[in-house]
Amino acid sequence: MSNKGKVPSEDEFRLQSPIRFRRVMVVGASGYIGSALSLGLRDDFDVFATHNKSPLWIEGVHAIKLDCMSANDILSNVQRYRPDVVIYCAGIASPATCQENPMIADTINHRAMTLFFKVLPRPIPFVYLSCDQVFSSNSSDTKFRFTEDDDPNPLSEFAQSKTRGESLVMGHNRLTYVMRLARVYGERLGSPQRPRESWIQRLIAQTSQGENYAVIEDQWRSSIYVGDVVRALRKFLRRAPLSSTLFHLGADDAITELESAKAALQSWNLDTSLLKPVQLDVRIAAQGFVEGRNSSLSSKRFQDFYEFRFQPLSEGIQELRARLESGYTQTWF
C-alpha cells in the first residue's frame, strides 16, 4: 500500500485552493451504497448514476448504462457527461460469491480500475469505496482499532480483491482516494422491483415471522448508518484534499453481530430470544472461507479533518426508525 494517503495538515490545506466538484459520476448506482449516494447527493450535485444489468431510476438523477469492463463504454460516457469526479461503488459485495467466483471478483473489485485509469482524463479525481474486511485480527480487545496507517491483511477472496483494488487506486499517478466503510446498515433502498437492503431488513423480516436468526457472537466490527455514509461523502466532496488520501468511515464502536441484532430487535420490539449465537469458527467451517475475528476501524482521521461524528449503532437505529415512521426516506440531512 502506498504511503501517499496521509491527509495534509490544516495549515497545509489552507494554503491550497479547494477542489470544486459539481458533476459527480457514481459507478455502480444499482447497489446499496451506490443507490444511497445517488439519492443523497442529488440535491447538491449533478449526479450521473451508472448501472449495467440492473437499471435503477432515481428522480433527479441521470441514469446511465455503463459496462465497467468496456474501455470504449467508459470513455464515451465520460466524454458525454464530463464528470468532475468519479466515485466507484461497483463490485461484488458478497464474500461467498467472491469465493466461488474469484476471477469475476477480481475483475470488478480490482482490474476494472485499470480501464478507468486508461481512458479517464488525469485531472478527474477517482474515489474507490472499500471495506473494513481488508483487515483481520484475532484480538478480542474491543478497544482495538485499525487505522489508515495499518497494513491490510485480507483473508477471504472478497477482502483480497478489495485490497488489490485499493493498492491499484492509491498507487496510481493521479489524484485518488480510498474510503473504507464499516459494516453498513440502513433503510431499504432502490425500487419495489429491485430493492436494495442491508442486514437489518433481513433480520427483521425473518424474526418478525418467528424464525430463528443465526448471528456471530465473537467477531467485532465497526458499524455505519447509511445516512452517515452520504453525509460524510457530501462533506468530502465539498472539501477534498489535494493529495491522494485514504479515509476510514465508521462509528467508534466495536460490536458483534449478536450485539447489533439485539439492539435492532429491541428497537422494533421483536423477540431477541430468536437470535441464535454462533461461534465464528463454526461459521467459517460452514461457509468455506476465512474471516478475521476483529476488523474494527478508527475513523479519527476523517472525523478530525472534517469535524464530523459518526453515530454509534444505537443512535443510527433511532434515526432510521424515526425516518421510517415519518415516511421520509428521500435524502439525509
Foldseek 3Di string as FASTA:
>chain_A
DDPQADFDDPVVQVVDDFDAFAEEEEEPLLADLNVQQQLACLVRHAYEYEDAPDWFDDPSHHYYHADLQDLVRLQVVCVVRVGLEYEYPDADPDLLVCQVPVVRRLVTLAVSVVSCVVRPPQNREYEYEAALQLAFDQDQPFQDADEPPDDGDHWTSNSVSNSNRVCVQQVDPGAYEYEYEWQEAFDWDTDPVRIHHHVLVVLCVQQVVVAADEWEDQAWIFYFYSQQVNVLVVLCNRGPGPTYHYFYDGASGIDGRLRLSVLSCVVVVTDSVSYDYDHQVVVCVVSVTDGHRYRYHDRVSSCVVRVDHTDGSNVSSVVRVVCVVVVHDRYHD
